[in-house]
Amino acid sequence: MTVSKLQRFNWILVVLGLTSGCSSTFEPWVKPYERDNLADPIMSMNRNPVSSSYTNHVYQAREGARGAEGGAGGGCGCN
């Protein structure tokens, strides 16, 4: 059984496409020496972490029967 040139070319393209994912040419967007800027509290998504923690706890207790965000306990808030 002979393989046509078009089929051979297609197989070569498939193999090259699959092996090209193994090499990484991208550099990290955030350099290691820039990560301390992202760890600054001013970069936090919430302005008041204590209030946000309480609101998150109430949300998990209220939605506990459905497993909101993986919190343990029931919907009664007694966890």
C-alpha atoms as a PDB file:
ATOM      1  CA  MET A   1       0.000   0.000   0.000  1.00  0.00           C
ATOM      2  CA  THR A   2       1.510   3.294  -1.018  1.00  0.00           C
ATOM      3  CA  VAL A   3       0.944   6.583   0.720  1.00  0.00           C
ATOM      4  CA  SER A   4       0.429   9.549  -1.529  1.00  0.00           C
ATOM      5  CA  LYS A   5       2.551  12.652  -1.206  1.00  0.00           C
ATOM      6  CA  LEU A   6      -0.423  14.662   0.035  1.00  0.00           C
ATOM      7  CA  GLN A   7      -1.134  12.181   2.837  1.00  0.00           C
ATOM      8  CA  ARG A   8       2.546  12.125   3.814  1.00  0.00           C
ATOM      9  CA  PHE A   9       2.616  15.936   3.861  1.00  0.00           C
ATOM     10  CA  ASN A  10      -0.515  16.005   6.041  1.00  0.00           C
ATOM     11  CA  TRP A  11       1.039  13.536   8.507  1.00  0.00           C
ATOM     12  CA  ILE A  12       4.196  15.640   8.694  1.00  0.00           C
ATOM     13  CA  LEU A  13       2.089  18.728   9.429  1.00  0.00           C
ATOM     14  CA  VAL A  14       0.179  16.865  12.159  1.00  0.00           C
ATOM     15  CA  VAL A  15       3.393  15.619  13.792  1.00  0.00           C
ATOM     16  CA  LEU A  16       4.974  19.074  13.633  1.00  0.00           C
ATOM     17  CA  GLY A  17       1.824  20.623  15.083  1.00  0.00           C
ATOM     18  CA  LEU A  18       1.747  18.165  17.972  1.00  0.00           C
ATOM     19  CA  THR A  19       5.433  18.497  18.812  1.00  0.00           C
ATOM     20  CA  SER A  20       5.454  22.282  18.604  1.00  0.00           C
ATOM     21  CA  GLY A  21       3.530  22.447  21.893  1.00  0.00           C
ATOM     22  CA  CYS A  22       6.524  20.954  23.695  1.00  0.00           C
ATOM     23  CA  SER A  23       8.718  23.998  23.167  1.00  0.00           C
ATOM     24  CA  SER A  24       7.988  27.195  24.988  1.00  0.00           C
ATOM     25  CA  THR A  25       9.054  30.435  23.374  1.00  0.00           C
ATOM     26  CA  PHE A  26       7.042  32.650  25.694  1.00  0.00           C
ATOM     27  CA  GLU A  27       8.689  34.399  28.588  1.00  0.00           C
ATOM     28  CA  PRO A  28       6.733  34.961  31.803  1.00  0.00           C
ATOM     29  CA  TRP A  29       4.694  38.126  31.727  1.00  0.00           C
ATOM     30  CA  VAL A  30       5.678  38.982  35.289  1.00  0.00           C
ATOM     31  CA  LYS A  31       9.354  38.820  36.060  1.00  0.00           C
ATOM     32  CA  PRO A  32      10.388  37.309  39.407  1.00  0.00           C
ATOM     33  CA  TYR A  33      11.644  40.663  40.667  1.00  0.00           C
ATOM     34  CA  GLU A  34       8.286  42.288  39.798  1.00  0.00           C
ATOM     35  CA  ARG A  35       6.172  39.856  41.817  1.00  0.00           C
ATOM     36  CA  ASP A  36       6.624  41.792  45.041  1.00  0.00           C
ATOM     37  CA  ASN A  37       4.563  44.585  43.456  1.00  0.00           C
ATOM     38  CA  LEU A  38       1.664  42.178  42.942  1.00  0.00           C
ATOM     39  CA  ALA A  39       1.900  40.938  46.530  1.00  0.00           C
ATOM     40  CA  ASP A  40       1.357  44.476  47.823  1.00  0.00           C
ATOM     41  CA  PRO A  41      -1.907  44.784  49.814  1.00  0.00           C
ATOM     42  CA  ILE A  42      -2.964  47.680  47.592  1.00  0.00           C
ATOM     43  CA  MET A  43      -3.316  45.147  44.740  1.00  0.00           C
ATOM     44  CA  SER A  44      -5.933  43.188  46.667  1.00  0.00           C
ATOM     45  CA  MET A  45      -9.352  42.878  45.048  1.00  0.00           C
ATOM     46  CA  ASN A  46     -11.180  43.773  48.257  1.00  0.00           C
ATOM     47  CA  ARG A  47     -10.739  46.914  50.287  1.00  0.00           C
ATOM     48  CA  ASN A  48     -11.572  45.423  53.671  1.00  0.00           C
ATOM     49  CA  PRO A  49     -10.358  41.827  54.064  1.00  0.00           C
ATOM     50  CA  VAL A  50     -12.117  41.320  57.434  1.00  0.00           C
ATOM     51  CA  SER A  51     -15.492  42.348  56.023  1.00  0.00           C
ATOM     52  CA  SER A  52     -14.883  40.288  52.898  1.00  0.00           C
ATOM     53  CA  SER A  53     -14.002  37.223  54.985  1.00  0.00           C
ATOM     54  CA  TYR A  54     -17.230  37.583  56.990  1.00  0.00           C
ATOM     55  CA  THR A  55     -19.317  38.070  53.849  1.00  0.00           C
ATOM     56  CA  ASN A  56     -17.699  35.003  52.298  1.00  0.00           C
ATOM     57  CA  HIS A  57     -18.470  32.972  55.441  1.00  0.00           C
ATOM     58  CA  VAL A  58     -22.121  34.044  55.393  1.00  0.00           C
ATOM     59  CA  TYR A  59     -22.353  33.237  51.696  1.00  0.00           C
ATOM     60  CA  GLN A  60     -20.923  29.749  52.247  1.00  0.00           C
ATOM     61  CA  ALA A  61     -23.267  29.107  55.170  1.00  0.00           C
ATOM     62  CA  ARG A  62     -26.274  30.248  53.148  1.00  0.00           C
ATOM     63  CA  GLU A  63     -25.366  28.258  50.068  1.00  0.00           C
ATOM     64  CA  GLY A  64     -23.860  25.309  51.956  1.00  0.00           C
ATOM     65  CA  ALA A  65     -26.551  22.923  50.845  1.00  0.00           C
ATOM     66  CA  ARG A  66     -25.407  23.342  47.253  1.00  0.00           C
ATOM     67  CA  GLY A  67     -21.668  23.369  48.040  1.00  0.00           C
ATOM     68  CA  ALA A  68     -20.915  26.979  47.174  1.00  0.00           C
ATOM     69  CA  GLU A  69     -17.168  27.372  46.771  1.00  0.00           C
ATOM     70  CA  GLY A  70     -16.550  24.043  48.478  1.00  0.00           C
ATOM     71  CA  GLY A  71     -17.332  25.207  52.019  1.00  0.00           C
ATOM     72  CA  ALA A  72     -18.208  22.613  54.636  1.00  0.00           C
ATOM     73  CA  GLY A  73     -21.354  22.637  56.722  1.00  0.00           C
ATOM     74  CA  GLY A  74     -25.052  22.940  56.172  1.00  0.00           C
ATOM     75  CA  GLY A  75     -27.330  25.819  55.351  1.00  0.00           C
ATOM     76  CA  CYS A  76     -28.011  26.535  59.030  1.00  0.00           C
ATOM     77  CA  GLY A  77     -24.705  28.372  59.515  1.00  0.00           C
ATOM     78  CA  CYS A  78     -23.597  26.094  62.359  1.00  0.00           C
ATOM     79  CA  ASN A  79     -20.317  24.939  60.867  1.00  0.00           C
END
